[in-house]
Amino acid sequence: MQSVRKGLRDGDLEKDTYGRVLCVPCQKSLTTQDNPDELGSIRLCPDCGEEWRELR
């Protein structure tokens, strides 16, 4: 699992005009899964199931 920032740099993710993070192959907006035991949250693509870590 890589970070959202690395995914944006590598071209796996992109932001739309409203600042939402999109999965490039699926063109779907990522959902957020909060884990209270970890720092940050997990961003998931609803179609392909890829996961990215977002630090706060």
PDB file of N, CA and C in Angstrom:
ATOM      1  N   MET A   1       0.853  -1.166   0.000  1.00  0.00           N
ATOM      2  CA  MET A   1       0.000   0.000   0.000  1.00  0.00           C
ATOM      3  C   MET A   1       0.901   1.231   0.000  1.00  0.00           C
ATOM      4  N   GLN A   2       0.652   2.128  -0.911  1.00  0.00           N
ATOM      5  CA  GLN A   2       1.429   3.354  -0.971  1.00  0.00           C
ATOM      6  C   GLN A   2       0.573   4.543  -0.546  1.00  0.00           C
ATOM      7  N   SER A   3       1.204   5.674  -0.391  1.00  0.00           N
ATOM      8  CA  SER A   3       0.484   6.860   0.063  1.00  0.00           C
ATOM      9  C   SER A   3      -0.252   7.529  -1.101  1.00  0.00           C
ATOM     10  N   VAL A   4      -1.220   8.348  -0.758  1.00  0.00           N
ATOM     11  CA  VAL A   4      -1.982   9.092  -1.760  1.00  0.00           C
ATOM     12  C   VAL A   4      -1.050  10.037  -2.519  1.00  0.00           C
ATOM     13  N   ARG A   5      -0.121  10.668  -1.828  1.00  0.00           N
ATOM     14  CA  ARG A   5       0.805  11.601  -2.486  1.00  0.00           C
ATOM     15  C   ARG A   5       1.662  10.887  -3.528  1.00  0.00           C
ATOM     16  N   LYS A   6       2.145   9.680  -3.194  1.00  0.00           N
ATOM     17  CA  LYS A   6       2.948   8.913  -4.138  1.00  0.00           C
ATOM     18  C   LYS A   6       2.094   8.468  -5.321  1.00  0.00           C
ATOM     19  N   GLY A   7       0.846   8.091  -5.064  1.00  0.00           N
ATOM     20  CA  GLY A   7      -0.065   7.719  -6.141  1.00  0.00           C
ATOM     21  C   GLY A   7      -0.330   8.868  -7.095  1.00  0.00           C
ATOM     22  N   LEU A   8      -0.434  10.085  -6.556  1.00  0.00           N
ATOM     23  CA  LEU A   8      -0.618  11.266  -7.404  1.00  0.00           C
ATOM     24  C   LEU A   8       0.625  11.535  -8.247  1.00  0.00           C
ATOM     25  N   ARG A   9       1.805  11.393  -7.637  1.00  0.00           N
ATOM     26  CA  ARG A   9       3.059  11.611  -8.380  1.00  0.00           C
ATOM     27  C   ARG A   9       3.265  10.569  -9.472  1.00  0.00           C
ATOM     28  N   ASP A  10       2.927   9.305  -9.180  1.00  0.00           N
ATOM     29  CA  ASP A  10       3.140   8.221 -10.138  1.00  0.00           C
ATOM     30  C   ASP A  10       2.094   8.182 -11.245  1.00  0.00           C
ATOM     31  N   GLY A  11       0.991   8.898 -11.083  1.00  0.00           N
ATOM     32  CA  GLY A  11      -0.059   8.911 -12.091  1.00  0.00           C
ATOM     33  C   GLY A  11      -1.138   7.875 -11.868  1.00  0.00           C
ATOM     34  N   ASP A  12      -1.103   7.166 -10.734  1.00  0.00           N
ATOM     35  CA  ASP A  12      -2.149   6.200 -10.421  1.00  0.00           C
ATOM     36  C   ASP A  12      -3.422   6.883  -9.959  1.00  0.00           C
ATOM     37  N   LEU A  13      -3.284   8.080  -9.392  1.00  0.00           N
ATOM     38  CA  LEU A  13      -4.404   8.871  -8.908  1.00  0.00           C
ATOM     39  C   LEU A  13      -4.343  10.252  -9.538  1.00  0.00           C
ATOM     40  N   GLU A  14      -5.487  10.927  -9.573  1.00  0.00           N
ATOM     41  CA  GLU A  14      -5.524  12.319 -10.015  1.00  0.00           C
ATOM     42  C   GLU A  14      -6.628  13.034  -9.260  1.00  0.00           C
ATOM     43  N   LYS A  15      -6.560  14.349  -9.261  1.00  0.00           N
ATOM     44  CA  LYS A  15      -7.597  15.162  -8.620  1.00  0.00           C
ATOM     45  C   LYS A  15      -8.455  15.787  -9.703  1.00  0.00           C
ATOM     46  N   ASP A  16      -9.774  15.845  -9.441  1.00  0.00           N
ATOM     47  CA  ASP A  16     -10.672  16.501 -10.390  1.00  0.00           C
ATOM     48  C   ASP A  16     -10.749  17.990 -10.071  1.00  0.00           C
ATOM     49  N   THR A  17     -11.614  18.705 -10.755  1.00  0.00           N
ATOM     50  CA  THR A  17     -11.696  20.153 -10.586  1.00  0.00           C
ATOM     51  C   THR A  17     -12.207  20.557  -9.212  1.00  0.00           C
ATOM     52  N   TYR A  18     -12.849  19.632  -8.492  1.00  0.00           N
ATOM     53  CA  TYR A  18     -13.360  19.929  -7.160  1.00  0.00           C
ATOM     54  C   TYR A  18     -12.425  19.452  -6.056  1.00  0.00           C
ATOM     55  N   GLY A  19     -11.273  18.895  -6.411  1.00  0.00           N
ATOM     56  CA  GLY A  19     -10.297  18.449  -5.428  1.00  0.00           C
ATOM     57  C   GLY A  19     -10.499  17.029  -4.940  1.00  0.00           C
ATOM     58  N   ARG A  20     -11.440  16.302  -5.534  1.00  0.00           N
ATOM     59  CA  ARG A  20     -11.652  14.903  -5.164  1.00  0.00           C
ATOM     60  C   ARG A  20     -10.574  14.045  -5.809  1.00  0.00           C
ATOM     61  N   VAL A  21     -10.135  13.017  -5.091  1.00  0.00           N
ATOM     62  CA  VAL A  21      -9.095  12.122  -5.595  1.00  0.00           C
ATOM     63  C   VAL A  21      -9.764  10.989  -6.354  1.00  0.00           C
ATOM     64  N   LEU A  22      -9.301  10.755  -7.600  1.00  0.00           N
ATOM     65  CA  LEU A  22      -9.878   9.736  -8.477  1.00  0.00           C
ATOM     66  C   LEU A  22      -8.862   8.653  -8.785  1.00  0.00           C
ATOM     67  N   CYS A  23      -9.325   7.420  -8.921  1.00  0.00           N
ATOM     68  CA  CYS A  23      -8.514   6.312  -9.407  1.00  0.00           C
ATOM     69  C   CYS A  23      -8.457   6.457 -10.930  1.00  0.00           C
ATOM     70  N   VAL A  24      -7.264   6.532 -11.512  1.00  0.00           N
ATOM     71  CA  VAL A  24      -7.121   6.793 -12.942  1.00  0.00           C
ATOM     72  C   VAL A  24      -7.699   5.661 -13.803  1.00  0.00           C
ATOM     73  N   PRO A  25      -7.376   4.377 -13.543  1.00  0.00           N
ATOM     74  CA  PRO A  25      -7.927   3.340 -14.426  1.00  0.00           C
ATOM     75  C   PRO A  25      -9.452   3.236 -14.381  1.00  0.00           C
ATOM     76  N   CYS A  26     -10.056   3.449 -13.220  1.00  0.00           N
ATOM     77  CA  CYS A  26     -11.513   3.291 -13.062  1.00  0.00           C
ATOM     78  C   CYS A  26     -12.275   4.598 -13.240  1.00  0.00           C
ATOM     79  N   GLN A  27     -11.611   5.741 -13.048  1.00  0.00           N
ATOM     80  CA  GLN A  27     -12.246   7.060 -13.070  1.00  0.00           C
ATOM     81  C   GLN A  27     -13.367   7.162 -12.036  1.00  0.00           C
ATOM     82  N   LYS A  28     -13.137   6.560 -10.854  1.00  0.00           N
ATOM     83  CA  LYS A  28     -14.083   6.626  -9.748  1.00  0.00           C
ATOM     84  C   LYS A  28     -13.457   7.374  -8.584  1.00  0.00           C
ATOM     85  N   SER A  29     -14.277   8.089  -7.835  1.00  0.00           N
ATOM     86  CA  SER A  29     -13.824   8.802  -6.655  1.00  0.00           C
ATOM     87  C   SER A  29     -13.540   7.802  -5.532  1.00  0.00           C
ATOM     88  N   LEU A  30     -12.475   8.042  -4.779  1.00  0.00           N
ATOM     89  CA  LEU A  30     -12.090   7.142  -3.704  1.00  0.00           C
ATOM     90  C   LEU A  30     -12.966   7.348  -2.472  1.00  0.00           C
ATOM     91  N   THR A  31     -13.217   6.269  -1.759  1.00  0.00           N
ATOM     92  CA  THR A  31     -13.938   6.336  -0.495  1.00  0.00           C
ATOM     93  C   THR A  31     -12.932   6.328   0.648  1.00  0.00           C
ATOM     94  N   THR A  32     -13.352   6.761   1.816  1.00  0.00           N
ATOM     95  CA  THR A  32     -12.465   6.853   2.972  1.00  0.00           C
ATOM     96  C   THR A  32     -12.877   5.852   4.032  1.00  0.00           C
ATOM     97  N   GLN A  33     -11.884   5.160   4.566  1.00  0.00           N
ATOM     98  CA  GLN A  33     -12.106   4.215   5.661  1.00  0.00           C
ATOM     99  C   GLN A  33     -11.201   4.646   6.803  1.00  0.00           C
ATOM    100  N   ASP A  34     -11.789   5.148   7.898  1.00  0.00           N
ATOM    101  CA  ASP A  34     -11.017   5.595   9.051  1.00  0.00           C
ATOM    102  C   ASP A  34     -10.710   4.422   9.969  1.00  0.00           C
ATOM    103  N   ASN A  35      -9.489   4.383  10.456  1.00  0.00           N
ATOM    104  CA  ASN A  35      -9.087   3.387  11.441  1.00  0.00           C
ATOM    105  C   ASN A  35      -8.613   4.150  12.667  1.00  0.00           C
ATOM    106  N   PRO A  36      -9.350   4.086  13.770  1.00  0.00           N
ATOM    107  CA  PRO A  36      -8.982   4.883  14.952  1.00  0.00           C
ATOM    108  C   PRO A  36      -7.662   4.450  15.591  1.00  0.00           C
ATOM    109  N   ASP A  37      -7.191   3.240  15.298  1.00  0.00           N
ATOM    110  CA  ASP A  37      -5.946   2.767  15.887  1.00  0.00           C
ATOM    111  C   ASP A  37      -4.706   3.238  15.136  1.00  0.00           C
ATOM    112  N   GLU A  38      -4.873   3.722  13.903  1.00  0.00           N
ATOM    113  CA  GLU A  38      -3.746   4.145  13.084  1.00  0.00           C
ATOM    114  C   GLU A  38      -3.806   5.644  12.827  1.00  0.00           C
ATOM    115  N   LEU A  39      -2.660   6.193  12.510  1.00  0.00           N
ATOM    116  CA  LEU A  39      -2.565   7.597  12.136  1.00  0.00           C
ATOM    117  C   LEU A  39      -2.988   7.741  10.686  1.00  0.00           C
ATOM    118  N   GLY A  40      -3.959   8.583  10.417  1.00  0.00           N
ATOM    119  CA  GLY A  40      -4.423   8.785   9.052  1.00  0.00           C
ATOM    120  C   GLY A  40      -5.600   7.893   8.725  1.00  0.00           C
ATOM    121  N   SER A  41      -5.866   7.752   7.418  1.00  0.00           N
ATOM    122  CA  SER A  41      -6.992   6.951   6.964  1.00  0.00           C
ATOM    123  C   SER A  41      -6.594   6.174   5.715  1.00  0.00           C
ATOM    124  N   ILE A  42      -7.440   5.246   5.323  1.00  0.00           N
ATOM    125  CA  ILE A  42      -7.230   4.436   4.136  1.00  0.00           C
ATOM    126  C   ILE A  42      -8.222   4.903   3.083  1.00  0.00           C
ATOM    127  N   ARG A  43      -7.718   5.152   1.864  1.00  0.00           N
ATOM    128  CA  ARG A  43      -8.570   5.540   0.740  1.00  0.00           C
ATOM    129  C   ARG A  43      -8.717   4.339  -0.169  1.00  0.00           C
ATOM    130  N   LEU A  44      -9.943   3.989  -0.537  1.00  0.00           N
ATOM    131  CA  LEU A  44     -10.250   2.797  -1.326  1.00  0.00           C
ATOM    132  C   LEU A  44     -10.939   3.164  -2.630  1.00  0.00           C
ATOM    133  N   CYS A  45     -10.598   2.424  -3.685  1.00  0.00           N
ATOM    134  CA  CYS A  45     -11.331   2.535  -4.948  1.00  0.00           C
ATOM    135  C   CYS A  45     -12.477   1.534  -4.891  1.00  0.00           C
ATOM    136  N   PRO A  46     -13.724   1.973  -5.110  1.00  0.00           N
ATOM    137  CA  PRO A  46     -14.860   1.051  -5.014  1.00  0.00           C
ATOM    138  C   PRO A  46     -14.891  -0.009  -6.112  1.00  0.00           C
ATOM    139  N   ASP A  47     -14.269   0.248  -7.270  1.00  0.00           N
ATOM    140  CA  ASP A  47     -14.306  -0.717  -8.371  1.00  0.00           C
ATOM    141  C   ASP A  47     -13.173  -1.742  -8.309  1.00  0.00           C
ATOM    142  N   CYS A  48     -11.923  -1.274  -8.287  1.00  0.00           N
ATOM    143  CA  CYS A  48     -10.793  -2.205  -8.382  1.00  0.00           C
ATOM    144  C   CYS A  48     -10.262  -2.652  -7.027  1.00  0.00           C
ATOM    145  N   GLY A  49     -10.633  -1.977  -5.930  1.00  0.00           N
ATOM    146  CA  GLY A  49     -10.222  -2.398  -4.607  1.00  0.00           C
ATOM    147  C   GLY A  49      -8.830  -1.954  -4.184  1.00  0.00           C
ATOM    148  N   GLU A  50      -8.147  -1.128  -4.980  1.00  0.00           N
ATOM    149  CA  GLU A  50      -6.826  -0.614  -4.604  1.00  0.00           C
ATOM    150  C   GLU A  50      -6.942   0.248  -3.353  1.00  0.00           C
ATOM    151  N   GLU A  51      -5.888   0.234  -2.538  1.00  0.00           N
ATOM    152  CA  GLU A  51      -5.875   1.005  -1.294  1.00  0.00           C
ATOM    153  C   GLU A  51      -4.673   1.945  -1.277  1.00  0.00           C
ATOM    154  N   TRP A  52      -4.876   3.134  -0.731  1.00  0.00           N
ATOM    155  CA  TRP A  52      -3.816   4.113  -0.530  1.00  0.00           C
ATOM    156  C   TRP A  52      -3.940   4.674   0.866  1.00  0.00           C
ATOM    157  N   ARG A  53      -2.823   4.970   1.478  1.00  0.00           N
ATOM    158  CA  ARG A  53      -2.803   5.524   2.828  1.00  0.00           C
ATOM    159  C   ARG A  53      -2.721   7.052   2.730  1.00  0.00           C
ATOM    160  N   GLU A  54      -3.574   7.724   3.501  1.00  0.00           N
ATOM    161  CA  GLU A  54      -3.575   9.176   3.555  1.00  0.00           C
ATOM    162  C   GLU A  54      -3.215   9.609   4.964  1.00  0.00           C
ATOM    163  N   LEU A  55      -2.085  10.296   5.097  1.00  0.00           N
ATOM    164  CA  LEU A  55      -1.655  10.777   6.398  1.00  0.00           C
ATOM    165  C   LEU A  55      -2.243  12.147   6.650  1.00  0.00           C
ATOM    166  N   ARG A  56      -2.511  12.427   7.921  1.00  0.00           N
ATOM    167  CA  ARG A  56      -3.058  13.746   8.275  1.00  0.00           C
ATOM    168  C   ARG A  56      -2.050  14.546   8.999  1.00  0.00           C
TER     169      ARG A  56
END
